[in-house]
PDB file of N, CA and C in Angstrom:
ATOM      1  N   MET A   1     130.387 188.893 143.606  1.00  0.00           N
ATOM      2  CA  MET A   1     130.545 189.096 142.918  1.00  0.00           C
ATOM      3  C   MET A   1     129.497 190.060 142.395  1.00  0.00           C
ATOM      4  N   ILE A   2     129.500 191.133 142.527  1.00  0.00           N
ATOM      5  CA  ILE A   2     128.361 192.216 142.760  1.00  0.00           C
ATOM      6  C   ILE A   2     128.261 193.271 142.071  1.00  0.00           C
ATOM      7  N   GLU A   3     127.543 193.273 140.487  1.00  0.00           N
ATOM      8  CA  GLU A   3     127.964 194.334 139.824  1.00  0.00           C
ATOM      9  C   GLU A   3     126.424 195.571 139.812  1.00  0.00           C
ATOM     10  N   ARG A   4     127.100 196.368 139.609  1.00  0.00           N
ATOM     11  CA  ARG A   4     126.222 197.596 139.445  1.00  0.00           C
ATOM     12  C   ARG A   4     126.292 198.571 138.767  1.00  0.00           C
ATOM     13  N   LEU A   5     125.226 199.310 138.419  1.00  0.00           N
ATOM     14  CA  LEU A   5     125.845 200.416 136.610  1.00  0.00           C
ATOM     15  C   LEU A   5     125.159 201.602 138.026  1.00  0.00           C
ATOM     16  N   LEU A   6     125.980 202.841 137.582  1.00  0.00           N
ATOM     17  CA  LEU A   6     125.031 203.977 138.062  1.00  0.00           C
ATOM     18  C   LEU A   6     125.168 205.401 137.259  1.00  0.00           C
ATOM     19  N   TYR A   7     124.001 205.740 137.016  1.00  0.00           N
ATOM     20  CA  TYR A   7     124.115 206.837 135.968  1.00  0.00           C
ATOM     21  C   TYR A   7     123.437 208.193 136.927  1.00  0.00           C
ATOM     22  N   ASP A   8     124.153 209.126 135.692  1.00  0.00           N
ATOM     23  CA  ASP A   8     124.336 210.945 136.328  1.00  0.00           C
ATOM     24  C   ASP A   8     123.651 210.980 135.141  1.00  0.00           C
ATOM     25  N   LEU A   9     123.519 212.256 135.533  1.00  0.00           N
ATOM     26  CA  LEU A   9     123.043 213.496 134.574  1.00  0.00           C
ATOM     27  C   LEU A   9     123.878 214.756 134.713  1.00  0.00           C
ATOM     28  N   GLY A  10     125.187 214.355 134.011  1.00  0.00           N
ATOM     29  CA  GLY A  10     126.093 215.428 134.810  1.00  0.00           C
ATOM     30  C   GLY A  10     126.032 217.371 134.440  1.00  0.00           C
ATOM     31  N   GLU A  11     126.644 218.204 135.311  1.00  0.00           N
ATOM     32  CA  GLU A  11     126.731 219.219 135.476  1.00  0.00           C
ATOM     33  C   GLU A  11     125.933 219.871 133.758  1.00  0.00           C
ATOM     34  N   SER A  12     126.982 219.063 133.012  1.00  0.00           N
ATOM     35  CA  SER A  12     126.805 220.071 131.250  1.00  0.00           C
ATOM     36  C   SER A  12     126.180 219.000 131.135  1.00  0.00           C
ATOM     37  N   GLN A  13     125.260 218.490 131.065  1.00  0.00           N
ATOM     38  CA  GLN A  13     123.808 217.378 130.641  1.00  0.00           C
ATOM     39  C   GLN A  13     124.722 216.429 129.924  1.00  0.00           C
ATOM     40  N   LEU A  14     125.751 216.301 130.408  1.00  0.00           N
ATOM     41  CA  LEU A  14     126.272 214.668 129.729  1.00  0.00           C
ATOM     42  C   LEU A  14     125.761 213.737 130.578  1.00  0.00           C
ATOM     43  N   GLU A  15     125.866 212.428 129.987  1.00  0.00           N
ATOM     44  CA  GLU A  15     125.383 211.491 130.351  1.00  0.00           C
ATOM     45  C   GLU A  15     126.585 211.011 130.844  1.00  0.00           C
ATOM     46  N   ILE A  16     126.681 210.112 132.338  1.00  0.00           N
ATOM     47  CA  ILE A  16     127.903 209.884 132.953  1.00  0.00           C
ATOM     48  C   ILE A  16     127.754 207.902 133.107  1.00  0.00           C
ATOM     49  N   PHE A  17     127.997 207.041 133.059  1.00  0.00           N
ATOM     50  CA  PHE A  17     127.992 205.622 133.327  1.00  0.00           C
ATOM     51  C   PHE A  17     128.970 205.324 134.112  1.00  0.00           C
ATOM     52  N   HIS A  18     128.704 204.744 135.895  1.00  0.00           N
ATOM     53  CA  HIS A  18     129.640 204.543 135.976  1.00  0.00           C
ATOM     54  C   HIS A  18     129.797 203.082 136.621  1.00  0.00           C
ATOM     55  N   PHE A  19     130.793 201.984 136.025  1.00  0.00           N
ATOM     56  CA  PHE A  19     130.198 200.617 136.378  1.00  0.00           C
ATOM     57  C   PHE A  19     131.476 200.213 138.120  1.00  0.00           C
ATOM     58  N   ALA A  20     130.543 199.577 138.563  1.00  0.00           N
ATOM     59  CA  ALA A  20     131.459 199.435 140.200  1.00  0.00           C
ATOM     60  C   ALA A  20     130.904 197.897 140.055  1.00  0.00           C
ATOM     61  N   GLU A  21     132.245 197.160 140.621  1.00  0.00           N
ATOM     62  CA  GLU A  21     132.168 195.764 141.369  1.00  0.00           C
ATOM     63  C   GLU A  21     132.561 195.835 142.645  1.00  0.00           C
ATOM     64  N   MET A  22     131.824 194.503 143.695  1.00  0.00           N
ATOM     65  CA  MET A  22     132.482 194.332 144.799  1.00  0.00           C
ATOM     66  C   MET A  22     132.842 193.224 144.920  1.00  0.00           C
ATOM     67  N   THR A  23     133.774 192.381 145.753  1.00  0.00           N
ATOM     68  CA  THR A  23     133.375 190.937 145.872  1.00  0.00           C
ATOM     69  C   THR A  23     133.002 190.748 147.162  1.00  0.00           C
ATOM     70  N   THR A  24     132.634 189.123 146.993  1.00  0.00           N
ATOM     71  CA  THR A  24     131.569 188.889 147.999  1.00  0.00           C
ATOM     72  C   THR A  24     132.024 189.241 149.486  1.00  0.00           C
ATOM     73  N   LEU A  25     133.679 189.252 149.768  1.00  0.00           N
ATOM     74  CA  LEU A  25     133.861 189.220 151.358  1.00  0.00           C
ATOM     75  C   LEU A  25     133.919 191.150 151.375  1.00  0.00           C
ATOM     76  N   GLU A  26     133.747 191.859 150.134  1.00  0.00           N
ATOM     77  CA  GLU A  26     133.546 193.671 150.904  1.00  0.00           C
ATOM     78  C   GLU A  26     132.354 193.964 150.615  1.00  0.00           C
ATOM     79  N   VAL A  27     131.342 192.696 150.355  1.00  0.00           N
ATOM     80  CA  VAL A  27     129.583 193.434 150.333  1.00  0.00           C
ATOM     81  C   VAL A  27     129.771 192.637 152.162  1.00  0.00           C
ATOM     82  N   THR A  28     129.544 191.147 153.101  1.00  0.00           N
ATOM     83  CA  THR A  28     129.922 191.017 153.602  1.00  0.00           C
ATOM     84  C   THR A  28     130.772 191.517 154.679  1.00  0.00           C
ATOM     85  N   GLY A  29     131.996 192.155 154.314  1.00  0.00           N
ATOM     86  CA  GLY A  29     132.237 193.249 155.419  1.00  0.00           C
ATOM     87  C   GLY A  29     131.627 194.347 155.901  1.00  0.00           C
ATOM     88  N   LEU A  30     131.006 194.871 155.171  1.00  0.00           N
ATOM     89  CA  LEU A  30     130.199 195.843 155.349  1.00  0.00           C
ATOM     90  C   LEU A  30     128.604 195.506 156.247  1.00  0.00           C
ATOM     91  N   LEU A  31     128.316 194.659 156.884  1.00  0.00           N
ATOM     92  CA  LEU A  31     127.107 193.806 157.123  1.00  0.00           C
ATOM     93  C   LEU A  31     127.192 193.645 158.486  1.00  0.00           C
ATOM     94  N   ASN A  32     126.723 193.602 159.618  1.00  0.00           N
ATOM     95  CA  ASN A  32     126.884 193.479 160.925  1.00  0.00           C
ATOM     96  C   ASN A  32     127.583 191.894 161.334  1.00  0.00           C
ATOM     97  N   ASP A  33     128.385 191.960 161.624  1.00  0.00           N
ATOM     98  CA  ASP A  33     128.987 190.696 161.848  1.00  0.00           C
ATOM     99  C   ASP A  33     128.183 189.650 163.041  1.00  0.00           C
ATOM    100  N   LYS A  34     127.237 190.066 163.604  1.00  0.00           N
ATOM    101  CA  LYS A  34     126.706 189.481 164.251  1.00  0.00           C
ATOM    102  C   LYS A  34     125.492 188.523 163.277  1.00  0.00           C
ATOM    103  N   ILE A  35     125.189 188.634 162.353  1.00  0.00           N
ATOM    104  CA  ILE A  35     123.519 188.262 161.456  1.00  0.00           C
ATOM    105  C   ILE A  35     124.051 186.917 161.112  1.00  0.00           C
ATOM    106  N   LYS A  36     123.118 185.993 162.076  1.00  0.00           N
ATOM    107  CA  LYS A  36     122.999 184.914 162.017  1.00  0.00           C
ATOM    108  C   LYS A  36     122.651 184.007 160.136  1.00  0.00           C
ATOM    109  N   ILE A  37     123.718 183.745 160.351  1.00  0.00           N
ATOM    110  CA  ILE A  37     123.591 182.530 158.381  1.00  0.00           C
ATOM    111  C   ILE A  37     122.452 181.239 159.269  1.00  0.00           C
ATOM    112  N   ASN A  38     121.873 181.585 158.646  1.00  0.00           N
ATOM    113  CA  ASN A  38     120.115 180.520 158.709  1.00  0.00           C
ATOM    114  C   ASN A  38     120.569 179.117 157.215  1.00  0.00           C
ATOM    115  N   SER A  39     120.867 179.406 156.592  1.00  0.00           N
ATOM    116  CA  SER A  39     121.226 178.426 154.968  1.00  0.00           C
ATOM    117  C   SER A  39     122.281 179.735 153.762  1.00  0.00           C
ATOM    118  N   ALA A  40     123.267 178.342 153.686  1.00  0.00           N
ATOM    119  CA  ALA A  40     124.214 178.955 152.648  1.00  0.00           C
ATOM    120  C   ALA A  40     124.566 178.007 151.444  1.00  0.00           C
ATOM    121  N   LYS A  41     124.440 178.578 150.515  1.00  0.00           N
ATOM    122  CA  LYS A  41     124.879 177.575 149.253  1.00  0.00           C
ATOM    123  C   LYS A  41     126.305 178.265 148.756  1.00  0.00           C
ATOM    124  N   ILE A  42     127.599 178.145 148.901  1.00  0.00           N
ATOM    125  CA  ILE A  42     128.345 178.062 149.038  1.00  0.00           C
ATOM    126  C   ILE A  42     129.439 177.748 147.810  1.00  0.00           C
ATOM    127  N   VAL A  43     130.017 178.032 146.359  1.00  0.00           N
ATOM    128  CA  VAL A  43     130.527 177.235 145.428  1.00  0.00           C
ATOM    129  C   VAL A  43     131.939 177.860 145.545  1.00  0.00           C
ATOM    130  N   THR A  44     133.405 177.506 146.401  1.00  0.00           N
ATOM    131  CA  THR A  44     134.992 177.962 146.418  1.00  0.00           C
ATOM    132  C   THR A  44     135.496 177.087 146.360  1.00  0.00           C
ATOM    133  N   TYR A  45     136.383 177.564 145.371  1.00  0.00           N
ATOM    134  CA  TYR A  45     137.659 176.004 145.668  1.00  0.00           C
ATOM    135  C   TYR A  45     138.827 177.399 145.169  1.00  0.00           C
ATOM    136  N   HIS A  46     139.574 176.200 145.383  1.00  0.00           N
ATOM    137  CA  HIS A  46     141.720 176.417 145.471  1.00  0.00           C
ATOM    138  C   HIS A  46     141.662 175.030 144.515  1.00  0.00           C
ATOM    139  N   LYS A  47     142.622 175.201 142.890  1.00  0.00           N
ATOM    140  CA  LYS A  47     142.428 174.364 141.784  1.00  0.00           C
ATOM    141  C   LYS A  47     141.230 173.477 142.097  1.00  0.00           C
ATOM    142  N   ASN A  48     141.673 172.449 142.141  1.00  0.00           N
ATOM    143  CA  ASN A  48     140.469 171.225 141.973  1.00  0.00           C
ATOM    144  C   ASN A  48     140.058 170.661 143.364  1.00  0.00           C
ATOM    145  N   ASP A  49     140.055 171.406 143.746  1.00  0.00           N
ATOM    146  CA  ASP A  49     140.015 171.083 146.204  1.00  0.00           C
ATOM    147  C   ASP A  49     138.859 172.128 146.160  1.00  0.00           C
ATOM    148  N   TYR A  50     137.630 171.833 145.837  1.00  0.00           N
ATOM    149  CA  TYR A  50     136.279 172.196 146.233  1.00  0.00           C
ATOM    150  C   TYR A  50     136.366 172.432 147.808  1.00  0.00           C
ATOM    151  N   LEU A  51     135.469 173.368 148.998  1.00  0.00           N
ATOM    152  CA  LEU A  51     135.109 173.331 150.088  1.00  0.00           C
ATOM    153  C   LEU A  51     134.019 172.575 150.369  1.00  0.00           C
ATOM    154  N   GLY A  52     134.135 171.660 151.521  1.00  0.00           N
ATOM    155  CA  GLY A  52     132.889 170.690 151.724  1.00  0.00           C
ATOM    156  C   GLY A  52     131.540 171.304 152.631  1.00  0.00           C
ATOM    157  N   GLU A  53     130.578 170.652 151.948  1.00  0.00           N
ATOM    158  CA  GLU A  53     129.469 171.525 152.996  1.00  0.00           C
ATOM    159  C   GLU A  53     129.978 171.340 154.526  1.00  0.00           C
ATOM    160  N   ASP A  54     130.606 170.055 155.299  1.00  0.00           N
ATOM    161  CA  ASP A  54     130.932 170.358 156.008  1.00  0.00           C
ATOM    162  C   ASP A  54     132.026 171.132 156.808  1.00  0.00           C
ATOM    163  N   VAL A  55     132.275 172.016 155.883  1.00  0.00           N
ATOM    164  CA  VAL A  55     133.157 173.059 156.701  1.00  0.00           C
ATOM    165  C   VAL A  55     132.195 174.111 156.292  1.00  0.00           C
ATOM    166  N   ILE A  56     131.283 174.710 155.248  1.00  0.00           N
ATOM    167  CA  ILE A  56     130.710 175.445 154.407  1.00  0.00           C
ATOM    168  C   ILE A  56     129.040 175.334 155.939  1.00  0.00           C
ATOM    169  N   ASP A  57     128.859 174.211 156.740  1.00  0.00           N
ATOM    170  CA  ASP A  57     127.745 174.215 157.024  1.00  0.00           C
ATOM    171  C   ASP A  57     127.721 174.722 158.512  1.00  0.00           C
ATOM    172  N   ASN A  58     129.544 175.100 158.672  1.00  0.00           N
ATOM    173  CA  ASN A  58     130.379 175.580 159.964  1.00  0.00           C
ATOM    174  C   ASN A  58     129.590 177.132 160.303  1.00  0.00           C
ATOM    175  N   PHE A  59     129.414 177.766 159.582  1.00  0.00           N
ATOM    176  CA  PHE A  59     129.342 179.037 159.370  1.00  0.00           C
ATOM    177  C   PHE A  59     128.041 179.627 159.702  1.00  0.00           C
ATOM    178  N   LYS A  60     127.708 179.643 160.914  1.00  0.00           N
ATOM    179  CA  LYS A  60     126.162 180.158 161.710  1.00  0.00           C
ATOM    180  C   LYS A  60     126.469 181.978 161.472  1.00  0.00           C
ATOM    181  N   THR A  61     127.510 182.483 161.145  1.00  0.00           N
ATOM    182  CA  THR A  61     127.302 184.491 161.734  1.00  0.00           C
ATOM    183  C   THR A  61     128.024 184.474 160.754  1.00  0.00           C
ATOM    184  N   ILE A  62     128.098 185.936 159.903  1.00  0.00           N
ATOM    185  CA  ILE A  62     128.582 186.274 159.179  1.00  0.00           C
ATOM    186  C   ILE A  62     130.285 186.730 159.257  1.00  0.00           C
ATOM    187  N   GLU A  63     130.408 186.880 160.670  1.00  0.00           N
ATOM    188  CA  GLU A  63     131.826 187.237 161.201  1.00  0.00           C
ATOM    189  C   GLU A  63     132.270 185.590 160.597  1.00  0.00           C
ATOM    190  N   GLU A  64     131.920 184.281 160.613  1.00  0.00           N
ATOM    191  CA  GLU A  64     132.498 183.147 161.159  1.00  0.00           C
ATOM    192  C   GLU A  64     132.964 183.155 159.507  1.00  0.00           C
ATOM    193  N   PHE A  65     131.851 183.509 158.643  1.00  0.00           N
ATOM    194  CA  PHE A  65     132.191 183.402 157.172  1.00  0.00           C
ATOM    195  C   PHE A  65     133.505 184.116 156.782  1.00  0.00           C
ATOM    196  N   ASN A  66     133.278 185.558 157.407  1.00  0.00           N
ATOM    197  CA  ASN A  66     134.309 186.503 156.997  1.00  0.00           C
ATOM    198  C   ASN A  66     136.139 185.804 157.522  1.00  0.00           C
ATOM    199  N   ARG A  67     135.527 185.626 158.490  1.00  0.00           N
ATOM    200  CA  ARG A  67     137.245 185.286 159.660  1.00  0.00           C
ATOM    201  C   ARG A  67     138.099 183.740 158.712  1.00  0.00           C
ATOM    202  N   PHE A  68     136.972 182.822 157.899  1.00  0.00           N
ATOM    203  CA  PHE A  68     137.141 181.930 157.118  1.00  0.00           C
ATOM    204  C   PHE A  68     138.112 181.745 155.586  1.00  0.00           C
ATOM    205  N   PHE A  69     137.484 183.041 155.318  1.00  0.00           N
ATOM    206  CA  PHE A  69     137.758 183.454 153.699  1.00  0.00           C
ATOM    207  C   PHE A  69     139.236 184.150 154.137  1.00  0.00           C
ATOM    208  N   ILE A  70     138.876 185.401 155.335  1.00  0.00           N
ATOM    209  CA  ILE A  70     140.419 186.008 155.615  1.00  0.00           C
ATOM    210  C   ILE A  70     141.896 185.266 156.080  1.00  0.00           C
ATOM    211  N   ASP A  71     141.190 184.018 156.399  1.00  0.00           N
ATOM    212  CA  ASP A  71     142.316 182.968 157.127  1.00  0.00           C
ATOM    213  C   ASP A  71     142.850 182.266 155.891  1.00  0.00           C
ATOM    214  N   ASN A  72     141.529 182.703 154.701  1.00  0.00           N
ATOM    215  CA  ASN A  72     142.123 181.329 154.038  1.00  0.00           C
ATOM    216  C   ASN A  72     142.112 181.673 152.203  1.00  0.00           C
ATOM    217  N   ARG A  73     142.539 182.677 152.448  1.00  0.00           N
ATOM    218  CA  ARG A  73     143.118 183.895 151.178  1.00  0.00           C
ATOM    219  C   ARG A  73     142.280 182.911 149.514  1.00  0.00           C
ATOM    220  N   LYS A  74     143.125 181.597 150.185  1.00  0.00           N
ATOM    221  CA  LYS A  74     143.821 181.056 148.657  1.00  0.00           C
ATOM    222  C   LYS A  74     142.647 179.948 148.101  1.00  0.00           C
ATOM    223  N   TYR A  75     140.913 180.663 148.521  1.00  0.00           N
ATOM    224  CA  TYR A  75     139.788 179.679 148.440  1.00  0.00           C
ATOM    225  C   TYR A  75     139.136 181.198 146.849  1.00  0.00           C
ATOM    226  N   TYR A  76     138.891 180.616 146.057  1.00  0.00           N
ATOM    227  CA  TYR A  76     138.037 181.617 145.103  1.00  0.00           C
ATOM    228  C   TYR A  76     136.221 181.335 145.245  1.00  0.00           C
ATOM    229  N   LEU A  77     135.613 182.114 146.352  1.00  0.00           N
ATOM    230  CA  LEU A  77     134.789 182.529 146.157  1.00  0.00           C
ATOM    231  C   LEU A  77     133.900 182.894 144.392  1.00  0.00           C
ATOM    232  N   HIS A  78     133.754 181.252 143.715  1.00  0.00           N
ATOM    233  CA  HIS A  78     132.685 181.523 142.830  1.00  0.00           C
ATOM    234  C   HIS A  78     131.276 181.914 143.061  1.00  0.00           C
ATOM    235  N   ASP A  79     130.352 181.309 144.049  1.00  0.00           N
ATOM    236  CA  ASP A  79     129.209 181.739 143.932  1.00  0.00           C
ATOM    237  C   ASP A  79     128.655 181.878 145.421  1.00  0.00           C
ATOM    238  N   CYS A  80     127.903 182.562 145.344  1.00  0.00           N
ATOM    239  CA  CYS A  80     128.075 182.852 147.636  1.00  0.00           C
ATOM    240  C   CYS A  80     126.243 182.793 147.006  1.00  0.00           C
ATOM    241  N   ASP A  81     125.374 182.428 148.223  1.00  0.00           N
ATOM    242  CA  ASP A  81     123.588 182.898 148.376  1.00  0.00           C
ATOM    243  C   ASP A  81     123.718 182.070 149.945  1.00  0.00           C
ATOM    244  N   PHE A  82     123.631 183.552 150.569  1.00  0.00           N
ATOM    245  CA  PHE A  82     122.692 183.489 151.745  1.00  0.00           C
ATOM    246  C   PHE A  82     121.250 183.229 152.336  1.00  0.00           C
ATOM    247  N   ALA A  83     121.259 182.963 153.290  1.00  0.00           N
ATOM    248  CA  ALA A  83     119.525 182.784 154.034  1.00  0.00           C
ATOM    249  C   ALA A  83     119.851 183.469 155.456  1.00  0.00           C
ATOM    250  N   TRP A  84     119.305 184.933 156.036  1.00  0.00           N
ATOM    251  CA  TRP A  84     119.771 185.018 156.741  1.00  0.00           C
ATOM    252  C   TRP A  84     118.998 185.873 157.802  1.00  0.00           C
ATOM    253  N   LYS A  85     118.941 185.829 159.024  1.00  0.00           N
ATOM    254  CA  LYS A  85     117.977 186.997 159.858  1.00  0.00           C
ATOM    255  C   LYS A  85     119.128 188.055 160.776  1.00  0.00           C
ATOM    256  N   THR A  86     118.422 188.601 161.449  1.00  0.00           N
ATOM    257  CA  THR A  86     119.523 189.764 161.756  1.00  0.00           C
ATOM    258  C   THR A  86     119.022 189.562 163.295  1.00  0.00           C
ATOM    259  N   ILE A  87     119.864 189.910 164.355  1.00  0.00           N
ATOM    260  CA  ILE A  87     119.113 190.356 165.718  1.00  0.00           C
ATOM    261  C   ILE A  87     119.399 191.091 166.327  1.00  0.00           C
TER     262      ILE A  87
END
């Protein structure tokens, strides 16, 4: 989850604060699908079923990551840290 705070000084000179959140899949959905994942540290689970490193290590591109979690919506993405390079 990415959280951000937006600030605006409105026309009436009132300070306006906006809070916005984006889930991991909302963010990765905005990225180029062809981005190659060099490494990923992901904590994701459904009840007490944590996704294993063997599955996570198979995510070679953002497209593969997104497709897996779209097809397996039962998993909750608790933490996600990528290292990648663009082509």
